[in-house]
Amino acid sequence: MGKSLKEEVYKFNHEKISLYGLLVLLCAMLYNILTSKDLDRRFLIYGFDAIEWIPLIIITVGSAFFAMEYKNRTIMIMMYKSSSKLKIYLAKFLVIFFYSIVLALAAILLTFLFSFLFIGHKYDWITTVDGHTLIIDLLTNMLGAVIYSFFITGLSFMLCMLTRNNAVVVCIGIVLAFFGAGFSSALMQAFPSAVRIIKWNPLSMIFISQQLTRTSLMSTSHLLDSELIIANIAYGLIFAVLGYYLFKNRRV
């Protein structure tokens, strides 16, 4: 009876966190719309800045999932049902990553809705401008946000196992979102002779959120689009493996 109650609490808390994530995305997009003087094409292709909020939501939700389970001891139920820690860890990783896809799809739908409500027919989604259409740029940027979320998911899991404090993980995610690209650029400017090495640092991974539709950012990141995609996936896998090692050896 007690175990069943814990399972129900576990499911309820996870569903509640997931809904909060969607609500935060909705509010963040609305806030950017209502506080902006001119809603131009840039807002549309970035999903009213949803590409910046999706990774933040992912790192918050990802760290909260683990922190809550250890706090409520519901992790013991999962380990009782499955003797494989790898399956538990991998399942959680995939759930959070697929959640980033759900957020990206929600952001696309909300972008269309808010565009209709607040902008009307000012911009044509399928008309080619400078070799690009609005809809392709929007989808490309959302793809970039999903790829970056893979990196963020691996990072959040590793940090959560390392620090055991989801507040610290969220703070690191905020720092990465708002200062990561600037700090990476500053490093490359300070040490121009070492750019070929420094450009691969984890802070540069955030460039993928915009660079896929803004080729001018290549001069700042010093990475090709293909290199950014590969690096994001590689870092995500490395962090995920390190996170699993910590999870495997962590006492419940």
Protein backbone atom coordinates (compact mmCIF):
# COMPACT_ATOMS: atom_id res chain seq x y z
CA MET A 1 0.00 0.00 0.00
CA GLY A 2 2.78 2.41 0.98
CA LYS A 3 4.78 1.54 -2.10
CA SER A 4 1.77 2.14 -4.37
CA LEU A 5 1.21 5.52 -2.74
CA LYS A 6 4.84 6.46 -3.37
CA GLU A 7 4.50 5.46 -7.02
CA GLU A 8 1.42 7.65 -7.41
CA VAL A 9 3.21 10.59 -5.77
CA TYR A 10 6.18 9.97 -8.06
CA LYS A 11 4.00 10.04 -11.19
CA PHE A 12 2.05 13.08 -10.01
CA ASN A 13 5.19 15.10 -9.23
CA HIS A 14 6.78 14.29 -12.60
CA GLU A 15 3.64 15.23 -14.50
CA LYS A 16 3.38 18.45 -12.50
CA ILE A 17 6.99 19.40 -13.27
CA SER A 18 6.44 18.69 -16.97
CA LEU A 19 3.35 20.91 -17.04
CA TYR A 20 5.24 23.67 -15.22
CA GLY A 21 7.87 23.52 -17.95
CA LEU A 22 5.28 24.04 -20.67
CA LEU A 23 3.68 26.85 -18.65
CA VAL A 24 7.06 28.58 -18.21
CA LEU A 25 7.66 28.36 -21.97
CA LEU A 26 4.23 29.86 -22.68
CA CYS A 27 4.74 32.72 -20.20
CA ALA A 28 8.28 33.43 -21.42
CA MET A 29 7.15 33.70 -25.03
CA LEU A 30 4.25 35.96 -24.08
CA TYR A 31 6.56 38.13 -21.97
CA ASN A 32 8.94 38.63 -24.90
CA ILE A 33 6.01 39.57 -27.14
CA LEU A 34 4.44 42.05 -24.72
CA THR A 35 7.74 43.75 -23.80
CA SER A 36 9.05 44.16 -27.36
CA LYS A 37 8.39 47.30 -29.34
CA ASP A 38 8.86 45.78 -32.78
CA LEU A 39 8.10 42.12 -33.50
CA ASP A 40 10.22 41.60 -36.59
CA ARG A 41 11.31 38.47 -38.48
CA ARG A 42 13.99 37.70 -35.89
CA PHE A 43 11.37 37.07 -33.22
CA LEU A 44 9.56 34.65 -35.50
CA ILE A 45 12.56 32.54 -36.51
CA TYR A 46 13.65 32.25 -32.87
CA GLY A 47 10.17 31.34 -31.69
CA PHE A 48 9.87 34.56 -29.68
CA ASP A 49 13.13 33.54 -27.95
CA ALA A 50 11.84 30.04 -27.11
CA ILE A 51 15.21 28.67 -28.27
CA GLU A 52 16.79 30.34 -25.23
CA TRP A 53 14.19 29.08 -22.77
CA ILE A 54 13.97 25.44 -23.85
CA PRO A 55 17.51 24.52 -22.63
CA LEU A 56 16.86 26.37 -19.34
CA ILE A 57 13.65 24.43 -18.80
CA ILE A 58 15.41 21.16 -19.66
CA ILE A 59 18.24 21.66 -17.17
CA THR A 60 15.71 22.65 -14.49
CA VAL A 61 13.40 19.70 -15.12
CA GLY A 62 16.26 17.22 -15.54
CA SER A 63 17.90 18.13 -12.23
CA ALA A 64 14.54 18.31 -10.43
CA PHE A 65 13.63 14.77 -11.50
CA PHE A 66 16.68 13.27 -9.82
CA ALA A 67 16.71 15.57 -6.80
CA MET A 68 13.04 14.88 -6.08
CA GLU A 69 13.44 11.12 -6.36
CA TYR A 70 16.36 11.01 -3.94
CA LYS A 71 14.58 13.35 -1.56
CA ASN A 72 11.34 11.30 -1.57
CA ARG A 73 13.25 8.01 -1.75
CA THR A 74 11.19 6.98 -4.77
CA ILE A 75 14.44 6.05 -6.52
CA MET A 76 14.45 2.94 -4.33
CA ILE A 77 11.20 1.77 -5.94
CA MET A 78 12.74 2.00 -9.40
CA MET A 79 15.84 0.11 -8.28
CA TYR A 80 13.65 -2.53 -6.68
CA LYS A 81 11.72 -3.03 -9.92
CA SER A 82 14.83 -3.00 -12.11
CA SER A 83 18.19 -4.40 -11.12
CA SER A 84 19.91 -2.50 -13.93
CA LYS A 85 20.96 1.02 -13.00
CA LEU A 86 21.89 1.58 -16.64
CA LYS A 87 18.28 1.01 -17.74
CA ILE A 88 16.99 3.42 -15.07
CA TYR A 89 19.52 6.10 -16.01
CA LEU A 90 19.04 5.67 -19.76
CA ALA A 91 15.25 5.78 -19.42
CA LYS A 92 15.45 9.06 -17.51
CA PHE A 93 17.88 10.52 -20.03
CA LEU A 94 15.61 9.64 -22.95
CA VAL A 95 12.51 10.96 -21.18
CA ILE A 96 14.14 14.36 -20.60
CA PHE A 97 15.53 14.52 -24.13
CA PHE A 98 12.15 13.63 -25.66
CA TYR A 99 10.64 16.30 -23.42
CA SER A 100 12.89 18.84 -25.15
CA ILE A 101 11.37 17.72 -28.46
CA VAL A 102 7.89 18.22 -27.00
CA LEU A 103 8.87 21.72 -25.89
CA ALA A 104 10.25 22.52 -29.35
CA LEU A 105 7.03 21.33 -31.02
CA ALA A 106 4.97 23.35 -28.53
CA ALA A 107 7.13 26.40 -29.24
CA ILE A 108 6.54 26.02 -32.99
CA LEU A 109 2.77 25.82 -32.55
CA LEU A 110 2.76 28.75 -30.13
CA THR A 111 4.88 30.79 -32.54
CA PHE A 112 2.30 30.30 -35.27
CA LEU A 113 -0.53 31.14 -32.87
CA PHE A 114 1.10 34.25 -31.41
CA SER A 115 2.20 35.38 -34.87
CA PHE A 116 -1.43 35.26 -36.01
CA LEU A 117 -2.69 37.03 -32.86
CA PHE A 118 -0.07 39.76 -32.48
CA ILE A 119 1.43 40.25 -35.95
CA GLY A 120 -1.25 39.10 -38.33
CA HIS A 121 -0.23 38.67 -41.96
CA LYS A 122 2.68 41.12 -41.92
CA TYR A 123 5.15 38.36 -42.80
CA ASP A 124 4.66 35.47 -45.22
CA TRP A 125 5.94 32.18 -43.80
CA ILE A 126 6.74 30.61 -47.17
CA THR A 127 8.09 33.59 -49.11
CA THR A 128 11.85 33.40 -49.70
CA VAL A 129 13.83 36.37 -48.35
CA ASP A 130 17.64 36.38 -48.74
CA GLY A 131 17.50 32.71 -49.69
CA HIS A 132 15.46 31.70 -46.62
CA THR A 133 11.83 31.21 -45.72
CA LEU A 134 10.51 32.03 -42.25
CA ILE A 135 9.15 28.57 -41.64
CA ILE A 136 12.42 26.80 -42.58
CA ASP A 137 14.44 29.17 -40.38
CA LEU A 138 12.07 28.59 -37.46
CA LEU A 139 12.25 24.79 -37.83
CA THR A 140 16.05 24.92 -38.22
CA ASN A 141 16.50 26.99 -35.07
CA MET A 142 14.21 24.66 -33.12
CA LEU A 143 16.30 21.74 -34.35
CA GLY A 144 19.36 23.56 -33.04
CA ALA A 145 17.62 24.03 -29.67
CA VAL A 146 16.85 20.30 -29.51
CA ILE A 147 20.45 19.36 -30.32
CA TYR A 148 21.69 21.78 -27.66
CA SER A 149 19.17 20.25 -25.25
CA PHE A 150 20.88 16.88 -25.77
CA PHE A 151 24.09 18.50 -24.57
CA ILE A 152 22.23 20.17 -21.68
CA THR A 153 20.55 16.90 -20.65
CA GLY A 154 23.89 15.14 -20.36
CA LEU A 155 25.37 18.10 -18.50
CA SER A 156 22.45 18.39 -16.06
CA PHE A 157 22.53 14.68 -15.21
CA MET A 158 26.27 14.76 -14.57
CA LEU A 159 26.09 17.92 -12.44
CA CYS A 160 23.11 16.60 -10.48
CA MET A 161 25.03 13.44 -9.59
CA LEU A 162 28.16 15.45 -8.85
CA THR A 163 26.72 18.26 -6.72
CA ARG A 164 23.54 16.52 -5.46
CA ASN A 165 21.94 19.95 -5.42
CA ASN A 166 19.50 20.88 -8.19
CA ALA A 167 19.68 24.60 -7.28
CA VAL A 168 23.39 24.60 -8.16
CA VAL A 169 22.66 22.81 -11.44
CA VAL A 170 19.98 25.36 -12.37
CA CYS A 171 22.33 28.26 -11.55
CA ILE A 172 25.01 26.76 -13.81
CA GLY A 173 22.40 26.41 -16.56
CA ILE A 174 21.44 30.08 -16.23
CA VAL A 175 25.09 31.15 -16.37
CA LEU A 176 25.61 29.05 -19.51
CA ALA A 177 22.51 30.50 -21.17
CA PHE A 178 23.28 34.17 -20.51
CA PHE A 179 27.08 34.31 -20.30
CA GLY A 180 28.39 31.15 -21.98
CA ALA A 181 28.70 32.48 -25.52
CA GLY A 182 30.15 35.81 -24.36
CA PHE A 183 32.73 34.17 -22.13
CA SER A 184 33.74 31.73 -24.88
CA SER A 185 34.17 34.60 -27.35
CA ALA A 186 36.21 36.56 -24.80
CA LEU A 187 38.52 33.57 -24.29
CA MET A 188 39.16 33.25 -28.02
CA GLN A 189 39.82 36.98 -28.34
CA ALA A 190 42.21 36.90 -25.38
CA PHE A 191 44.17 33.95 -26.76
CA PRO A 192 43.96 34.17 -30.57
CA SER A 193 46.86 31.79 -31.04
CA ALA A 194 44.92 29.04 -29.26
CA VAL A 195 41.57 29.53 -31.03
CA ARG A 196 41.83 26.16 -32.77
CA ILE A 197 41.71 24.50 -29.35
CA ILE A 198 39.58 26.93 -27.34
CA LYS A 199 36.77 26.93 -29.90
CA TRP A 200 35.91 23.37 -28.83
CA ASN A 201 35.20 24.36 -25.22
CA PRO A 202 31.72 23.42 -23.87
CA LEU A 203 30.66 27.07 -23.59
CA SER A 204 30.73 27.37 -27.38
CA MET A 205 28.04 24.73 -27.77
CA ILE A 206 25.26 27.29 -27.22
CA PHE A 207 26.06 28.90 -30.58
CA ILE A 208 24.10 26.11 -32.27
CA SER A 209 20.85 27.72 -31.09
CA GLN A 210 21.25 30.53 -33.62
CA GLN A 211 24.19 29.80 -35.91
CA LEU A 212 22.31 27.34 -38.13
CA THR A 213 20.38 30.29 -39.59
CA ARG A 214 22.97 33.02 -38.92
CA THR A 215 26.13 32.17 -40.82
CA SER A 216 27.73 35.39 -39.53
CA LEU A 217 28.13 33.70 -36.13
CA MET A 218 30.76 31.37 -37.59
CA SER A 219 33.26 34.21 -37.29
CA THR A 220 32.51 34.28 -33.55
CA SER A 221 32.26 30.57 -32.75
CA HIS A 222 34.98 29.61 -35.27
CA LEU A 223 33.06 26.36 -35.79
CA LEU A 224 31.18 25.12 -38.85
CA ASP A 225 27.56 24.08 -38.45
CA SER A 226 28.50 20.41 -38.85
CA GLU A 227 31.26 20.78 -36.23
CA LEU A 228 28.82 22.36 -33.78
CA ILE A 229 26.31 19.55 -34.26
CA ILE A 230 28.94 16.83 -33.77
CA ALA A 231 30.48 18.61 -30.77
CA ASN A 232 27.11 19.05 -29.03
CA ILE A 233 26.28 15.37 -29.44
CA ALA A 234 29.78 14.28 -28.40
CA TYR A 235 29.77 16.44 -25.26
CA GLY A 236 26.25 15.27 -24.43
CA LEU A 237 27.37 11.63 -24.63
CA ILE A 238 30.53 12.27 -22.59
CA PHE A 239 28.61 14.04 -19.83
CA ALA A 240 25.93 11.34 -19.89
CA VAL A 241 28.55 8.60 -19.43
CA LEU A 242 30.21 10.49 -16.58
CA GLY A 243 26.80 11.06 -15.01
CA TYR A 244 26.00 7.36 -15.23
CA TYR A 245 29.30 6.45 -13.56
CA LEU A 246 28.45 8.80 -10.66
CA PHE A 247 24.87 7.50 -10.53
CA LYS A 248 26.05 3.88 -10.51
CA ASN A 249 28.35 4.49 -7.55
CA ARG A 250 26.02 6.76 -5.60
CA ARG A 251 24.46 5.40 -2.45
CA VAL A 252 20.67 5.60 -2.24
